[in-house]
Amino acid sequence: MSAPSARILVVDDDPLQRQLIAAMLTGTGYVVDTAGDGREALERVRLGRPDVVVTDSEMPVMDGITLCRLIKGNELIHSTYVIFLSAHGATNAKVTALDVGADDYLVKPADENELRARVRAGLRLQRALAELEAKNELLERLALTDPLTGLANRRAFEEALSTETARATRHGKPLSLLFLDLDHFKDVNDRHGHAVGDEVLSAVSDLLKRLGRRGDMSARIGGEEFAVILPQTSLPQAKLVAERIRAALEASPVGRSQVVSVTTSIGCSSFDGSGTVASSALLRAADEALYRAKQAGRNRVV
């Protein structure tokens, strides 16, 4: 957030005060807007999303305390930095403003240098909080993503499956689950090395992304084990999806530094939308189907 792009809203019912305060801040290169009371200011905050609001305390229609409470209580605009600029310098007035969420409090008449410094401090804090939020979002994404393949990891898969089973039960919609295990993958690592093995895993992940339909979720849940959640998908439809994945992998050797032919065994389980279903039941059924696919000779869908 650079100073020239920062947006400041000055709120005061006294036209002369509004003009004076706006002039102090306009000289710094900020984009400055004004409002004559709290209600007008709240509408401008909702529409224009200023970075900082500098507001008087006592105003007609809606006072500064109410304005601040409404801003800080709204999830969409609560990060707006609110500075009170009031003629009331008593401690109880400051406490009241800070208690409703004000970020800073100055007493009129405002010192131009101090006001500018407080605004700069508010903008720095906002920038730091925005960067922290972005880092936290990145960490959360990383915590739910398999670093090698970019697919959802086991934690994300389990959370998504729990959500989808609850949704399927609530709305009476079908839900299917695929478990995939790459056949004899240990031999790939033993013969070609783990680097090639990683290339194979990445290529299989790319295939799942490419063949996935909108709303499906693919995840890597173990070494060479993958899962695909298929919302609103019946068992016959899920078998078609699984067979398409199996056939595509069988027909297309994968790898970059070395091309390797691999196949996959797939177990399908499904909820038809009647009654209730638990994610553990779908997991167990898909795992048992996968076991039968391996026992029957691998490279097949059960």
Protein backbone atom coordinates (compact mmCIF):
# COMPACT_ATOMS: atom_id res chain seq x y z
CA MET A 1 0.00 0.00 0.00
CA SER A 2 1.89 3.04 -1.20
CA ALA A 3 1.10 6.52 0.12
CA PRO A 4 -0.13 7.95 -3.23
CA SER A 5 -2.69 5.15 -3.59
CA ALA A 6 -3.93 5.31 0.00
CA ARG A 7 -7.54 6.45 0.36
CA ILE A 8 -8.60 8.57 3.31
CA LEU A 9 -12.15 9.49 4.32
CA VAL A 10 -12.57 12.59 6.50
CA VAL A 11 -15.85 12.72 8.46
CA ASP A 12 -16.99 15.91 10.19
CA ASP A 13 -20.27 17.82 10.31
CA ASP A 14 -18.41 21.16 10.30
CA PRO A 15 -17.66 22.07 6.63
CA LEU A 16 -14.69 24.24 7.63
CA GLN A 17 -13.14 21.45 9.72
CA ARG A 18 -13.67 18.93 6.92
CA GLN A 19 -11.96 21.23 4.44
CA LEU A 20 -9.05 21.94 6.81
CA ILE A 21 -8.39 18.30 7.68
CA ALA A 22 -8.76 17.18 4.07
CA ALA A 23 -6.28 19.85 2.99
CA MET A 24 -3.74 18.59 5.56
CA LEU A 25 -3.93 15.07 4.11
CA THR A 26 -4.33 15.97 0.44
CA GLY A 27 -0.92 17.63 0.52
CA THR A 28 0.67 14.25 1.23
CA GLY A 29 -0.58 12.73 -2.01
CA TYR A 30 -3.40 10.66 -0.51
CA VAL A 31 -6.74 10.36 -2.27
CA VAL A 32 -9.04 12.17 0.17
CA ASP A 33 -12.84 12.04 0.29
CA THR A 34 -15.18 13.68 2.82
CA ALA A 35 -18.53 13.02 4.48
CA GLY A 36 -20.73 15.24 6.65
CA ASP A 37 -22.07 12.63 9.09
CA GLY A 38 -21.71 9.01 10.13
CA ARG A 39 -24.47 7.64 7.91
CA GLU A 40 -23.00 9.19 4.77
CA ALA A 41 -19.55 8.01 5.85
CA LEU A 42 -20.72 4.43 6.39
CA GLU A 43 -22.13 4.30 2.88
CA ARG A 44 -18.87 5.63 1.44
CA VAL A 45 -16.87 3.07 3.43
CA ARG A 46 -19.05 0.23 2.14
CA LEU A 47 -18.77 1.39 -1.47
CA GLY A 48 -15.26 2.88 -1.65
CA ARG A 49 -13.36 0.87 1.00
CA PRO A 50 -11.04 3.67 2.20
CA ASP A 51 -7.88 2.63 4.01
CA VAL A 52 -8.27 5.15 6.82
CA VAL A 53 -11.27 6.98 8.27
CA VAL A 54 -10.59 10.17 10.24
CA THR A 55 -13.82 10.97 12.07
CA ASP A 56 -15.27 13.47 14.52
CA SER A 57 -17.03 12.06 17.55
CA GLU A 58 -20.23 14.15 17.86
CA MET A 59 -22.23 14.50 14.63
CA PRO A 60 -25.91 14.61 13.68
CA VAL A 61 -27.74 11.66 12.08
CA MET A 62 -25.01 9.21 13.17
CA ASP A 63 -22.14 10.01 15.54
CA GLY A 64 -18.57 8.79 15.27
CA ILE A 65 -18.95 6.16 18.01
CA THR A 66 -21.82 4.47 16.15
CA LEU A 67 -19.95 4.78 12.86
CA CYS A 68 -16.87 3.09 14.32
CA ARG A 69 -18.91 0.32 15.94
CA LEU A 70 -20.64 -0.46 12.63
CA ILE A 71 -17.38 -0.44 10.67
CA LYS A 72 -15.58 -2.72 13.10
CA GLY A 73 -18.58 -5.03 13.35
CA ASN A 74 -18.75 -5.64 9.59
CA GLU A 75 -16.48 -8.45 8.41
CA LEU A 76 -16.07 -6.89 4.97
CA ILE A 77 -14.82 -3.51 6.21
CA HIS A 78 -13.60 -4.13 9.76
CA SER A 79 -9.95 -3.74 8.74
CA THR A 80 -10.53 -0.04 7.96
CA TYR A 81 -8.23 2.00 10.20
CA VAL A 82 -10.30 4.44 12.27
CA ILE A 83 -8.79 7.58 13.80
CA PHE A 84 -10.95 9.78 16.04
CA LEU A 85 -10.30 13.50 15.79
CA SER A 86 -12.46 15.01 18.50
CA ALA A 87 -12.74 18.15 20.61
CA HIS A 88 -13.25 15.91 23.64
CA GLY A 89 -9.92 15.20 25.28
CA ALA A 90 -11.27 13.62 28.45
CA THR A 91 -10.10 10.14 29.28
CA ASN A 92 -13.62 8.67 29.30
CA ALA A 93 -14.22 9.92 25.74
CA LYS A 94 -11.03 8.25 24.57
CA VAL A 95 -11.86 5.04 26.39
CA THR A 96 -15.34 4.92 24.84
CA ALA A 97 -13.89 5.35 21.34
CA LEU A 98 -11.19 2.73 21.88
CA ASP A 99 -13.70 0.30 23.38
CA VAL A 100 -15.81 0.33 20.19
CA GLY A 101 -12.74 -0.44 18.10
CA ALA A 102 -11.06 2.88 17.28
CA ASP A 103 -7.42 2.45 16.28
CA ASP A 104 -6.23 5.91 17.34
CA TYR A 105 -7.52 9.09 19.02
CA LEU A 106 -6.43 12.70 18.54
CA VAL A 107 -7.73 15.88 20.13
CA LYS A 108 -8.66 18.99 18.13
CA PRO A 109 -7.18 21.27 17.01
CA ALA A 110 -5.14 18.78 15.04
CA ASP A 111 -1.43 19.27 14.59
CA GLU A 112 -0.80 18.72 10.89
CA ASN A 113 2.47 16.84 11.33
CA GLU A 114 1.05 14.59 14.04
CA LEU A 115 -2.09 13.81 12.02
CA ARG A 116 -0.01 12.87 9.00
CA ALA A 117 2.27 10.74 11.18
CA ARG A 118 -0.71 8.90 12.71
CA VAL A 119 -2.13 8.22 9.25
CA ARG A 120 1.24 6.91 8.05
CA ALA A 121 1.45 4.67 11.12
CA GLY A 122 -2.04 3.34 10.40
CA LEU A 123 -1.15 2.58 6.80
CA ARG A 124 2.04 0.79 7.87
CA LEU A 125 0.06 -1.34 10.30
CA GLN A 126 -2.52 -2.17 7.63
CA ARG A 127 0.21 -3.16 5.21
CA ALA A 128 1.85 -5.38 7.82
CA LEU A 129 -1.46 -7.04 8.68
CA ALA A 130 -2.25 -7.61 4.99
CA GLU A 131 1.15 -9.24 4.48
CA LEU A 132 0.65 -11.40 7.57
CA GLU A 133 -2.78 -12.48 6.35
CA ALA A 134 -1.37 -13.37 2.93
CA LYS A 135 1.40 -15.43 4.56
CA ASN A 136 -1.12 -17.20 6.78
CA GLU A 137 -3.27 -18.02 3.74
CA LEU A 138 -0.19 -19.40 1.98
CA LEU A 139 0.72 -21.51 5.00
CA GLU A 140 -2.84 -22.84 5.17
CA ARG A 141 -2.74 -23.75 1.48
CA LEU A 142 0.62 -25.44 1.95
CA ALA A 143 -0.74 -27.35 4.93
CA LEU A 144 -3.48 -28.77 2.70
CA THR A 145 -1.37 -29.42 -0.41
CA ASP A 146 0.95 -32.25 -1.30
CA PRO A 147 4.25 -30.50 -2.14
CA LEU A 148 5.35 -32.97 -4.84
CA THR A 149 2.17 -33.18 -6.91
CA GLY A 150 0.23 -30.05 -6.04
CA LEU A 151 -2.84 -32.15 -5.28
CA ALA A 152 -4.73 -31.99 -2.02
CA ASN A 153 -3.00 -33.92 0.75
CA ARG A 154 -4.55 -36.48 3.10
CA ARG A 155 -5.70 -33.85 5.60
CA ALA A 156 -7.49 -31.85 2.91
CA PHE A 157 -8.96 -35.04 1.46
CA GLU A 158 -10.39 -36.17 4.79
CA GLU A 159 -11.89 -32.74 5.46
CA ALA A 160 -13.43 -32.61 1.98
CA LEU A 161 -14.82 -36.14 2.22
CA SER A 162 -16.43 -35.37 5.56
CA THR A 163 -18.03 -32.26 4.06
CA GLU A 164 -19.25 -34.08 0.96
CA THR A 165 -20.73 -37.03 2.86
CA ALA A 166 -22.66 -34.63 5.08
CA ARG A 167 -23.89 -32.73 2.02
CA ALA A 168 -24.88 -35.93 0.18
CA THR A 169 -26.83 -37.16 3.20
CA ARG A 170 -28.54 -33.81 3.73
CA HIS A 171 -29.63 -33.39 0.10
CA GLY A 172 -30.15 -37.04 -0.79
CA LYS A 173 -27.57 -36.94 -3.60
CA PRO A 174 -25.22 -39.74 -4.69
CA LEU A 175 -21.53 -39.58 -3.82
CA SER A 176 -18.70 -41.83 -4.99
CA LEU A 177 -15.09 -42.35 -4.01
CA LEU A 178 -12.14 -43.80 -5.92
CA PHE A 179 -8.99 -45.24 -4.34
CA LEU A 180 -6.04 -45.63 -6.72
CA ASP A 181 -2.80 -47.47 -6.10
CA LEU A 182 0.00 -47.54 -8.69
CA ASP A 183 0.85 -51.15 -9.48
CA HIS A 184 4.30 -52.38 -8.42
CA PHE A 185 5.50 -48.82 -7.82
CA LYS A 186 8.32 -50.04 -5.59
CA ASP A 187 9.84 -51.67 -8.67
CA VAL A 188 9.86 -48.28 -10.43
CA ASN A 189 11.85 -46.73 -7.59
CA ASP A 190 14.17 -49.74 -7.35
CA ARG A 191 14.92 -49.89 -11.10
CA HIS A 192 14.92 -46.22 -12.04
CA GLY A 193 15.54 -44.35 -8.80
CA HIS A 194 13.36 -42.13 -6.63
CA ALA A 195 13.79 -39.08 -8.86
CA VAL A 196 12.09 -40.91 -11.72
CA GLY A 197 9.55 -42.23 -9.25
CA ASP A 198 8.70 -38.66 -8.29
CA GLU A 199 8.31 -37.78 -11.96
CA VAL A 200 5.85 -40.64 -12.34
CA LEU A 201 3.84 -39.47 -9.33
CA SER A 202 3.72 -35.94 -10.72
CA ALA A 203 2.63 -37.21 -14.13
CA VAL A 204 -0.16 -39.32 -12.61
CA SER A 205 -1.29 -36.26 -10.67
CA ASP A 206 -1.37 -34.22 -13.88
CA LEU A 207 -3.48 -36.93 -15.49
CA LEU A 208 -5.96 -36.84 -12.60
CA LYS A 209 -6.21 -33.06 -12.89
CA ARG A 210 -6.72 -33.29 -16.64
CA LEU A 211 -9.40 -35.96 -16.47
CA GLY A 212 -11.14 -34.52 -13.42
CA ARG A 213 -14.56 -32.99 -13.85
CA ARG A 214 -15.69 -29.74 -12.31
CA GLY A 215 -16.46 -30.40 -8.66
CA ASP A 216 -14.30 -33.53 -8.39
CA MET A 217 -11.39 -33.51 -5.94
CA SER A 218 -8.18 -35.48 -6.45
CA ALA A 219 -5.73 -36.05 -3.61
CA ARG A 220 -2.49 -37.85 -2.91
CA ILE A 221 -3.14 -39.70 0.33
CA GLY A 222 0.03 -41.78 0.60
CA GLY A 223 3.22 -42.69 -1.24
CA GLU A 224 1.72 -44.03 -4.49
CA GLU A 225 -1.88 -43.89 -3.31
CA PHE A 226 -4.43 -41.40 -4.66
CA ALA A 227 -8.11 -40.72 -4.09
CA VAL A 228 -10.79 -38.96 -6.08
CA ILE A 229 -14.02 -37.65 -4.54
CA LEU A 230 -16.90 -37.63 -7.05
CA PRO A 231 -19.87 -35.57 -5.78
CA GLN A 232 -23.32 -36.26 -7.25
CA THR A 233 -21.95 -39.34 -8.98
CA SER A 234 -23.59 -42.77 -8.94
CA LEU A 235 -21.62 -46.01 -8.84
CA PRO A 236 -22.05 -46.75 -12.60
CA GLN A 237 -20.82 -43.23 -13.40
CA ALA A 238 -17.92 -43.60 -10.96
CA LYS A 239 -16.88 -46.88 -12.63
CA LEU A 240 -16.78 -45.07 -15.99
CA VAL A 241 -14.59 -42.31 -14.53
CA ALA A 242 -12.32 -44.88 -12.92
CA GLU A 243 -12.01 -46.89 -16.13
CA ARG A 244 -11.16 -43.74 -18.08
CA ILE A 245 -8.35 -42.98 -15.62
CA ARG A 246 -7.08 -46.58 -15.68
CA ALA A 247 -7.11 -46.81 -19.48
CA ALA A 248 -5.47 -43.39 -19.94
CA LEU A 249 -2.60 -44.31 -17.64
CA GLU A 250 -2.12 -47.73 -19.24
CA ALA A 251 -2.00 -46.16 -22.71
CA SER A 252 0.41 -43.34 -21.87
CA PRO A 253 3.87 -44.04 -20.43
CA VAL A 254 4.92 -41.21 -18.10
CA GLY A 255 8.07 -39.50 -16.90
CA ARG A 256 10.39 -36.77 -18.14
CA SER A 257 14.00 -37.89 -17.80
CA GLN A 258 12.96 -41.50 -18.37
CA VAL A 259 9.67 -42.79 -19.76
CA VAL A 260 8.07 -45.48 -17.60
CA SER A 261 4.97 -47.59 -18.21
CA VAL A 262 2.76 -47.85 -15.15
CA THR A 263 -0.73 -49.11 -14.43
CA THR A 264 -3.12 -48.58 -11.55
CA SER A 265 -5.62 -50.60 -9.57
CA ILE A 266 -8.77 -48.70 -8.56
CA GLY A 267 -11.41 -49.40 -5.93
CA CYS A 268 -14.80 -47.66 -6.14
CA SER A 269 -17.36 -47.11 -3.41
CA SER A 270 -20.61 -45.17 -3.60
CA PHE A 271 -23.56 -43.78 -1.66
CA ASP A 272 -26.82 -43.75 -3.61
CA GLY A 273 -28.37 -40.79 -1.81
CA SER A 274 -30.85 -42.71 0.32
CA GLY A 275 -30.56 -42.84 4.09
CA THR A 276 -27.30 -41.68 5.62
CA VAL A 277 -23.64 -42.32 5.00
CA ALA A 278 -20.47 -41.81 7.01
CA SER A 279 -17.16 -40.94 5.42
CA SER A 280 -15.59 -43.90 7.25
CA ALA A 281 -18.00 -46.27 5.49
CA LEU A 282 -17.09 -44.94 2.05
CA LEU A 283 -13.40 -45.13 2.92
CA ARG A 284 -13.65 -48.70 4.13
CA ALA A 285 -15.65 -49.83 1.10
CA ALA A 286 -13.26 -48.17 -1.37
CA ASP A 287 -10.26 -49.66 0.43
CA GLU A 288 -11.79 -53.14 0.33
CA ALA A 289 -12.58 -52.75 -3.39
CA LEU A 290 -9.00 -51.67 -4.05
CA TYR A 291 -7.73 -54.74 -2.20
CA ARG A 292 -9.91 -56.97 -4.38
CA ALA A 293 -8.61 -55.23 -7.53
CA LYS A 294 -5.04 -56.03 -6.50
CA GLN A 295 -5.89 -59.61 -5.59
CA ALA A 296 -7.59 -60.10 -8.95
CA GLY A 297 -4.41 -59.23 -10.85
CA ARG A 298 -4.12 -55.42 -10.69
CA ASN A 299 -4.64 -52.88 -13.50
CA ARG A 300 -8.40 -53.08 -13.08
CA VAL A 301 -11.40 -51.35 -11.52
CA VAL A 302 -13.44 -53.07 -8.81
